[in-house]
C-alpha atoms as a PDB file:
ATOM      1  CA  MET A   1     -66.853  23.974  38.827  1.00  0.00           C
ATOM      2  CA  ASP A   2     -66.457  21.639  35.712  1.00  0.00           C
ATOM      3  CA  ILE A   3     -63.938  23.898  33.867  1.00  0.00           C
ATOM      4  CA  GLY A   4     -64.429  21.436  31.062  1.00  0.00           C
ATOM      5  CA  GLN A   5     -68.291  22.056  30.915  1.00  0.00           C
ATOM      6  CA  ASP A   6     -68.201  25.475  31.779  1.00  0.00           C
ATOM      7  CA  GLY A   7     -65.750  26.464  28.039  1.00  0.00           C
ATOM      8  CA  ALA A   8     -67.901  23.979  25.930  1.00  0.00           C
ATOM      9  CA  GLY A   9     -71.423  26.364  27.220  1.00  0.00           C
ATOM     10  CA  LEU A  10     -69.399  29.157  26.202  1.00  0.00           C
ATOM     11  CA  ARG A  11     -68.223  27.872  23.036  1.00  0.00           C
ATOM     12  CA  GLU A  12     -71.468  27.317  21.797  1.00  0.00           C
ATOM     13  CA  ARG A  13     -73.338  30.448  23.141  1.00  0.00           C
ATOM     14  CA  LYS A  14     -70.722  32.168  21.080  1.00  0.00           C
ATOM     15  CA  LYS A  15     -71.533  29.832  18.743  1.00  0.00           C
ATOM     16  CA  GLN A  16     -74.942  30.462  18.629  1.00  0.00           C
ATOM     17  CA  GLN A  17     -74.283  34.545  19.153  1.00  0.00           C
ATOM     18  CA  THR A  18     -72.435  34.405  15.681  1.00  0.00           C
ATOM     19  CA  ARG A  19     -75.119  32.835  14.205  1.00  0.00           C
ATOM     20  CA  ILE A  20     -77.481  35.178  15.112  1.00  0.00           C
ATOM     21  CA  ALA A  21     -75.406  38.201  14.260  1.00  0.00           C
ATOM     22  CA  LEU A  22     -74.993  36.699  10.500  1.00  0.00           C
ATOM     23  CA  SER A  23     -78.606  36.044  10.280  1.00  0.00           C
ATOM     24  CA  TRP A  24     -79.621  39.678  11.303  1.00  0.00           C
ATOM     25  CA  ALA A  25     -76.665  41.081   8.855  1.00  0.00           C
ATOM     26  CA  ALA A  26     -78.165  39.185   6.054  1.00  0.00           C
ATOM     27  CA  ILE A  27     -81.563  40.538   6.475  1.00  0.00           C
ATOM     28  CA  ARG A  28     -80.674  43.996   7.110  1.00  0.00           C
ATOM     29  CA  LEU A  29     -78.392  44.473   4.607  1.00  0.00           C
ATOM     30  CA  THR A  30     -80.823  42.530   2.101  1.00  0.00           C
ATOM     31  CA  VAL A  31     -83.548  44.830   3.170  1.00  0.00           C
ATOM     32  CA  GLU A  32     -81.147  48.129   2.730  1.00  0.00           C
ATOM     33  CA  ARG A  33     -79.320  47.149  -0.491  1.00  0.00           C
ATOM     34  CA  GLY A  34     -81.861  45.216  -2.111  1.00  0.00           C
ATOM     35  CA  TRP A  35     -80.982  40.742  -2.937  1.00  0.00           C
ATOM     36  CA  ASP A  36     -78.546  41.083  -5.898  1.00  0.00           C
ATOM     37  CA  ASN A  37     -76.009  43.532  -3.914  1.00  0.00           C
ATOM     38  CA  VAL A  38     -75.248  41.753  -1.143  1.00  0.00           C
ATOM     39  CA  ARG A  39     -72.631  39.062  -1.411  1.00  0.00           C
ATOM     40  CA  VAL A  40     -71.750  36.499   1.406  1.00  0.00           C
ATOM     41  CA  GLU A  41     -68.614  38.107   1.888  1.00  0.00           C
ATOM     42  CA  ASP A  42     -70.702  41.807   2.480  1.00  0.00           C
ATOM     43  CA  ILE A  43     -72.430  39.514   5.615  1.00  0.00           C
ATOM     44  CA  ALA A  44     -69.191  37.789   7.174  1.00  0.00           C
ATOM     45  CA  ALA A  45     -67.663  41.641   6.951  1.00  0.00           C
ATOM     46  CA  GLU A  46     -70.994  43.447   8.941  1.00  0.00           C
ATOM     47  CA  VAL A  47     -70.349  40.444  11.996  1.00  0.00           C
ATOM     48  CA  GLY A  48     -66.350  40.779  11.925  1.00  0.00           C
ATOM     49  CA  VAL A  49     -65.853  36.947  10.629  1.00  0.00           C
ATOM     50  CA  SER A  50     -64.551  35.613   7.486  1.00  0.00           C
ATOM     51  CA  PRO A  51     -66.590  33.892   4.239  1.00  0.00           C
ATOM     52  CA  ARG A  52     -65.615  30.955   5.009  1.00  0.00           C
ATOM     53  CA  THR A  53     -66.932  30.961   8.921  1.00  0.00           C
ATOM     54  CA  PHE A  54     -70.400  32.281   7.360  1.00  0.00           C
ATOM     55  CA  ASN A  55     -70.066  28.776   5.630  1.00  0.00           C
ATOM     56  CA  ASN A  56     -69.655  26.833   8.493  1.00  0.00           C
ATOM     57  CA  TYR A  57     -73.128  28.256   9.645  1.00  0.00           C
ATOM     58  CA  PHE A  58     -74.996  28.739   6.804  1.00  0.00           C
ATOM     59  CA  SER A  59     -74.545  26.958   2.996  1.00  0.00           C
ATOM     60  CA  SER A  60     -76.536  30.272   1.065  1.00  0.00           C
ATOM     61  CA  LYS A  61     -77.629  34.085   2.082  1.00  0.00           C
ATOM     62  CA  ALA A  62     -81.601  32.473   1.699  1.00  0.00           C
ATOM     63  CA  GLU A  63     -81.043  30.235   4.496  1.00  0.00           C
ATOM     64  CA  ALA A  64     -79.155  32.380   6.808  1.00  0.00           C
ATOM     65  CA  ILE A  65     -82.156  34.917   6.073  1.00  0.00           C
ATOM     66  CA  ALA A  66     -84.488  31.778   6.985  1.00  0.00           C
ATOM     67  CA  SER A  67     -83.078  30.798   9.477  1.00  0.00           C
ATOM     68  CA  ARG A  68     -84.360  33.817  12.058  1.00  0.00           C
ATOM     69  CA  HIS A  69     -88.073  32.210  10.968  1.00  0.00           C
ATOM     70  CA  LEU A  70     -86.975  28.702  12.021  1.00  0.00           C
ATOM     71  CA  ASP A  71     -85.065  30.255  15.583  1.00  0.00           C
ATOM     72  CA  ARG A  72     -88.316  32.227  16.628  1.00  0.00           C
ATOM     73  CA  ALA A  73     -90.556  29.088  16.020  1.00  0.00           C
ATOM     74  CA  ARG A  74     -88.377  26.913  18.342  1.00  0.00           C
ATOM     75  CA  LEU A  75     -88.715  29.456  21.067  1.00  0.00           C
ATOM     76  CA  ILE A  76     -92.429  29.553  20.594  1.00  0.00           C
ATOM     77  CA  ALA A  77     -92.375  25.600  21.151  1.00  0.00           C
ATOM     78  CA  GLU A  78     -89.653  26.401  24.129  1.00  0.00           C
ATOM     79  CA  GLU A  79     -92.249  28.745  25.447  1.00  0.00           C
ATOM     80  CA  LEU A  80     -95.379  26.152  24.890  1.00  0.00           C
ATOM     81  CA  ARG A  81     -93.708  24.010  27.128  1.00  0.00           C
ATOM     82  CA  ALA A  82     -93.197  26.241  29.889  1.00  0.00           C
ATOM     83  CA  ARG A  83     -96.402  27.620  30.212  1.00  0.00           C
ATOM     84  CA  PRO A  84     -98.665  26.952  32.558  1.00  0.00           C
ATOM     85  CA  ALA A  85    -100.355  23.333  32.763  1.00  0.00           C
ATOM     86  CA  SER A  86    -103.336  25.079  34.009  1.00  0.00           C
ATOM     87  CA  GLU A  87    -103.874  27.674  30.547  1.00  0.00           C
ATOM     88  CA  PRO A  88    -106.311  25.832  27.935  1.00  0.00           C
ATOM     89  CA  ILE A  89    -104.272  24.984  25.244  1.00  0.00           C
ATOM     90  CA  TRP A  90    -105.235  28.106  22.995  1.00  0.00           C
ATOM     91  CA  GLU A  91    -104.950  30.976  25.420  1.00  0.00           C
ATOM     92  CA  ALA A  92    -101.237  28.894  25.909  1.00  0.00           C
ATOM     93  CA  VAL A  93    -100.234  28.823  22.097  1.00  0.00           C
ATOM     94  CA  VAL A  94    -101.290  32.861  22.033  1.00  0.00           C
ATOM     95  CA  ASN A  95     -99.468  33.062  25.077  1.00  0.00           C
ATOM     96  CA  ALA A  96     -96.375  31.321  23.961  1.00  0.00           C
ATOM     97  CA  VAL A  97     -96.534  33.266  20.541  1.00  0.00           C
ATOM     98  CA  THR A  98     -96.674  36.715  21.309  1.00  0.00           C
ATOM     99  CA  ALA A  99     -94.289  35.791  24.154  1.00  0.00           C
ATOM    100  CA  ARG A 100     -91.715  34.860  21.370  1.00  0.00           C
ATOM    101  CA  PHE A 101     -92.459  36.506  18.659  1.00  0.00           C
ATOM    102  CA  ASP A 102     -89.881  39.325  18.791  1.00  0.00           C
ATOM    103  CA  MET A 103     -87.987  39.958  15.255  1.00  0.00           C
ATOM    104  CA  ARG A 104     -85.332  42.514  17.289  1.00  0.00           C
ATOM    105  CA  GLU A 105     -82.079  41.416  17.566  1.00  0.00           C
ATOM    106  CA  ASP A 106     -81.204  39.981  20.962  1.00  0.00           C
ATOM    107  CA  GLY A 107     -80.606  42.804  23.352  1.00  0.00           C
ATOM    108  CA  ASP A 108     -80.946  45.584  20.704  1.00  0.00           C
ATOM    109  CA  ARG A 109     -83.742  47.603  21.840  1.00  0.00           C
ATOM    110  CA  ALA A 110     -83.134  50.273  19.624  1.00  0.00           C
ATOM    111  CA  LYS A 111     -85.577  48.455  17.278  1.00  0.00           C
ATOM    112  CA  ASP A 112     -89.136  48.660  17.301  1.00  0.00           C
ATOM    113  CA  ASP A 113     -91.150  45.348  17.148  1.00  0.00           C
ATOM    114  CA  THR A 114     -90.299  44.666  13.152  1.00  0.00           C
ATOM    115  CA  GLY A 115     -87.094  44.838  13.428  1.00  0.00           C
ATOM    116  CA  ALA A 116     -86.566  48.094  11.861  1.00  0.00           C
ATOM    117  CA  LEU A 117     -83.169  49.922  12.154  1.00  0.00           C
ATOM    118  CA  PRO A 118     -83.366  53.485  14.025  1.00  0.00           C
ATOM    119  CA  ASN A 119     -82.220  55.163  10.587  1.00  0.00           C
ATOM    120  CA  VAL A 120     -85.298  52.817   8.385  1.00  0.00           C
ATOM    121  CA  SER A 121     -88.358  54.374   8.271  1.00  0.00           C
ATOM    122  CA  ARG A 122     -91.013  51.046   8.770  1.00  0.00           C
ATOM    123  CA  ASP A 123     -92.188  51.864   5.099  1.00  0.00           C
ATOM    124  CA  GLN A 124     -88.660  51.383   4.063  1.00  0.00           C
ATOM    125  CA  TRP A 125     -88.114  48.173   6.357  1.00  0.00           C
ATOM    126  CA  ALA A 126     -92.023  47.205   5.101  1.00  0.00           C
ATOM    127  CA  ALA A 127     -91.025  47.558   1.313  1.00  0.00           C
ATOM    128  CA  GLY A 128     -87.242  45.853   2.137  1.00  0.00           C
ATOM    129  CA  LEU A 129     -88.999  43.065   3.017  1.00  0.00           C
ATOM    130  CA  ARG A 130     -91.445  42.555   0.587  1.00  0.00           C
ATOM    131  CA  VAL A 131     -88.584  42.702  -2.117  1.00  0.00           C
ATOM    132  CA  MET A 132     -86.962  40.344   0.121  1.00  0.00           C
ATOM    133  CA  LEU A 133     -89.439  37.781   0.670  1.00  0.00           C
ATOM    134  CA  ALA A 134     -90.393  37.473  -3.166  1.00  0.00           C
ATOM    135  CA  GLU A 135     -86.992  36.544  -4.138  1.00  0.00           C
ATOM    136  CA  PRO A 136     -87.672  33.134  -5.758  1.00  0.00           C
ATOM    137  CA  ALA A 137     -84.354  31.659  -3.649  1.00  0.00           C
ATOM    138  CA  MET A 138     -86.102  32.521  -0.740  1.00  0.00           C
ATOM    139  CA  HIS A 139     -89.157  30.210  -1.208  1.00  0.00           C
ATOM    140  CA  GLY A 140     -87.886  27.068  -0.663  1.00  0.00           C
ATOM    141  CA  GLU A 141     -85.906  28.313   2.537  1.00  0.00           C
ATOM    142  CA  PHE A 142     -88.653  29.269   3.965  1.00  0.00           C
ATOM    143  CA  LEU A 143     -90.963  26.196   3.204  1.00  0.00           C
ATOM    144  CA  LYS A 144     -87.968  23.788   4.815  1.00  0.00           C
ATOM    145  CA  ALA A 145     -87.799  26.406   7.748  1.00  0.00           C
ATOM    146  CA  GLY A 146     -91.674  26.429   8.306  1.00  0.00           C
ATOM    147  CA  ALA A 147     -92.252  22.287   8.101  1.00  0.00           C
ATOM    148  CA  ILE A 148     -89.068  21.945  10.561  1.00  0.00           C
ATOM    149  CA  ALA A 149     -90.889  24.642  12.816  1.00  0.00           C
ATOM    150  CA  GLU A 150     -94.425  22.805  12.236  1.00  0.00           C
ATOM    151  CA  ALA A 151     -93.031  20.068  13.186  1.00  0.00           C
ATOM    152  CA  GLU A 152     -91.218  21.278  16.670  1.00  0.00           C
ATOM    153  CA  LEU A 153     -94.693  23.114  17.041  1.00  0.00           C
ATOM    154  CA  ALA A 154     -97.053  20.302  16.630  1.00  0.00           C
ATOM    155  CA  ALA A 155     -94.205  17.888  19.033  1.00  0.00           C
ATOM    156  CA  ALA A 156     -95.128  21.324  21.825  1.00  0.00           C
ATOM    157  CA  VAL A 157     -98.705  20.456  21.738  1.00  0.00           C
ATOM    158  CA  ALA A 158     -99.015  17.122  21.659  1.00  0.00           C
ATOM    159  CA  GLU A 159     -97.016  16.750  24.982  1.00  0.00           C
ATOM    160  CA  ARG A 160     -99.296  19.504  26.287  1.00  0.00           C
ATOM    161  CA  THR A 161    -102.889  17.544  25.487  1.00  0.00           C
ATOM    162  CA  GLY A 162    -101.451  13.924  25.495  1.00  0.00           C
ATOM    163  CA  THR A 163    -101.456  13.270  21.696  1.00  0.00           C
ATOM    164  CA  ASP A 164     -99.698  11.681  19.292  1.00  0.00           C
ATOM    165  CA  VAL A 165     -98.013  13.529  17.021  1.00  0.00           C
ATOM    166  CA  VAL A 166     -97.876  10.604  15.016  1.00  0.00           C
ATOM    167  CA  ARG A 167    -101.521   9.236  15.454  1.00  0.00           C
ATOM    168  CA  ASP A 168    -103.686  12.268  16.068  1.00  0.00           C
ATOM    169  CA  LEU A 169    -104.704  15.093  13.756  1.00  0.00           C
ATOM    170  CA  TYR A 170    -104.462  17.952  16.751  1.00  0.00           C
ATOM    171  CA  PRO A 171    -101.239  18.768  17.156  1.00  0.00           C
ATOM    172  CA  ARG A 172    -100.264  19.116  13.882  1.00  0.00           C
ATOM    173  CA  LEU A 173    -103.297  21.125  12.744  1.00  0.00           C
ATOM    174  CA  VAL A 174    -102.825  23.275  15.500  1.00  0.00           C
ATOM    175  CA  ALA A 175     -98.874  23.995  14.520  1.00  0.00           C
ATOM    176  CA  ALA A 176    -100.466  24.214  11.014  1.00  0.00           C
ATOM    177  CA  ALA A 177    -103.146  27.220  11.891  1.00  0.00           C
ATOM    178  CA  VAL A 178    -100.294  28.592  14.193  1.00  0.00           C
ATOM    179  CA  GLY A 179     -97.728  28.686  10.840  1.00  0.00           C
ATOM    180  CA  ALA A 180    -100.606  29.710   8.703  1.00  0.00           C
ATOM    181  CA  ALA A 181    -101.192  32.467  10.571  1.00  0.00           C
ATOM    182  CA  LEU A 182     -97.362  34.241  11.116  1.00  0.00           C
ATOM    183  CA  GLY A 183     -96.877  33.847   7.344  1.00  0.00           C
ATOM    184  CA  VAL A 184    -100.769  35.696   6.711  1.00  0.00           C
ATOM    185  CA  VAL A 185     -99.400  38.659   9.248  1.00  0.00           C
ATOM    186  CA  MET A 186     -95.995  38.887   8.037  1.00  0.00           C
ATOM    187  CA  ASP A 187     -97.341  39.245   4.445  1.00  0.00           C
ATOM    188  CA  HIS A 188    -100.161  41.622   5.279  1.00  0.00           C
ATOM    189  CA  TRP A 189     -97.759  43.527   7.032  1.00  0.00           C
ATOM    190  CA  VAL A 190     -95.416  44.096   4.654  1.00  0.00           C
ATOM    191  CA  ARG A 191     -98.202  44.547   1.651  1.00  0.00           C
ATOM    192  CA  THR A 192     -99.650  47.352   4.021  1.00  0.00           C
ATOM    193  CA  ASN A 193     -96.022  48.498   4.608  1.00  0.00           C
ATOM    194  CA  GLY A 194     -96.412  48.618   8.149  1.00  0.00           C
ATOM    195  CA  SER A 195     -99.852  50.384   8.503  1.00  0.00           C
ATOM    196  CA  ALA A 196    -101.221  48.316  11.221  1.00  0.00           C
ATOM    197  CA  PRO A 197     -98.336  47.038  14.544  1.00  0.00           C
ATOM    198  CA  LEU A 198     -97.460  44.261  13.847  1.00  0.00           C
ATOM    199  CA  MET A 199     -98.565  42.299  17.447  1.00  0.00           C
ATOM    200  CA  SER A 200    -101.679  43.816  17.028  1.00  0.00           C
ATOM    201  CA  LEU A 201    -102.019  42.043  13.899  1.00  0.00           C
ATOM    202  CA  LEU A 202    -100.958  39.007  15.318  1.00  0.00           C
ATOM    203  CA  HIS A 203    -103.003  38.871  18.170  1.00  0.00           C
ATOM    204  CA  ASP A 204    -106.263  39.589  16.271  1.00  0.00           C
ATOM    205  CA  ALA A 205    -105.207  36.204  13.743  1.00  0.00           C
ATOM    206  CA  LEU A 206    -104.972  34.142  16.685  1.00  0.00           C
ATOM    207  CA  GLY A 207    -107.675  35.387  18.670  1.00  0.00           C
ATOM    208  CA  ARG A 208    -109.484  34.866  15.106  1.00  0.00           C
ATOM    209  CA  ILE A 209    -108.185  31.352  14.667  1.00  0.00           C
ATOM    210  CA  SER A 210    -108.834  30.345  18.482  1.00  0.00           C
ATOM    211  CA  ALA A 211    -112.486  31.219  18.599  1.00  0.00           C
ATOM    212  CA  GLY A 212    -113.163  29.075  15.474  1.00  0.00           C
ATOM    213  CA  LEU A 213    -112.899  31.651  12.618  1.00  0.00           C
ATOM    214  CA  PRO A 214    -116.209  32.791  13.057  1.00  0.00           C
ATOM    215  CA  ASP A 215    -118.121  34.803  10.296  1.00  0.00           C
ATOM    216  CA  PRO A 216    -116.903  38.022  10.290  1.00  0.00           C
ATOM    217  CA  ARG A 217    -120.125  39.527   9.183  1.00  0.00           C
ATOM    218  CA  THR A 218    -121.950  37.968  12.267  1.00  0.00           C
ATOM    219  CA  PRO A 219    -122.276  40.142  14.811  1.00  0.00           C
ATOM    220  CA  PRO A 220    -120.764  38.774  18.432  1.00  0.00           C
ATOM    221  CA  ALA A 221    -123.018  37.846  20.934  1.00  0.00           C
END
């Protein structure tokens, strides 16, 4: 065993765990207390680290929150690359997204698929997310995270379909469609206070896109 490499790998895993914990703490505290009532110091204290450590990972509270979206998108791209080659592209995309679209904290199964805390109702969680996502400071961070996420998913689609992410429209169109579906599903879920299960909405949205977005007034054949 290479002790040096093993130690480096352990350090990287711990850093990733700290990054995820800080991001989730930022989300939880902001949902519970409101945007203006959460400081970097509060987020750091929640995780048991210093504000300086927080600043080693994120430049702002907004970036910490948006990083969950980016991390999830990267996992979706990884999952797409790992899907069986025999799966048609849209079947593979839907399976990859639904396999990796999980808002719970890693290893924490006390939460449902929304990431809500056990002592916070679905309505309260959805309302808190709605306020948080409407915060102007979040808009720029989500745009940046979305652009990176779309590029990574497009690269995975290009690899799977034998297309070129620069010369061909297809991989970027697929990635943009998936990103739009995720955004619409989350927006719908928070606006309706979680009246429908998040994963059901996601399956519905991706199914409609993969079918070519047929007119909903047209009865199925």
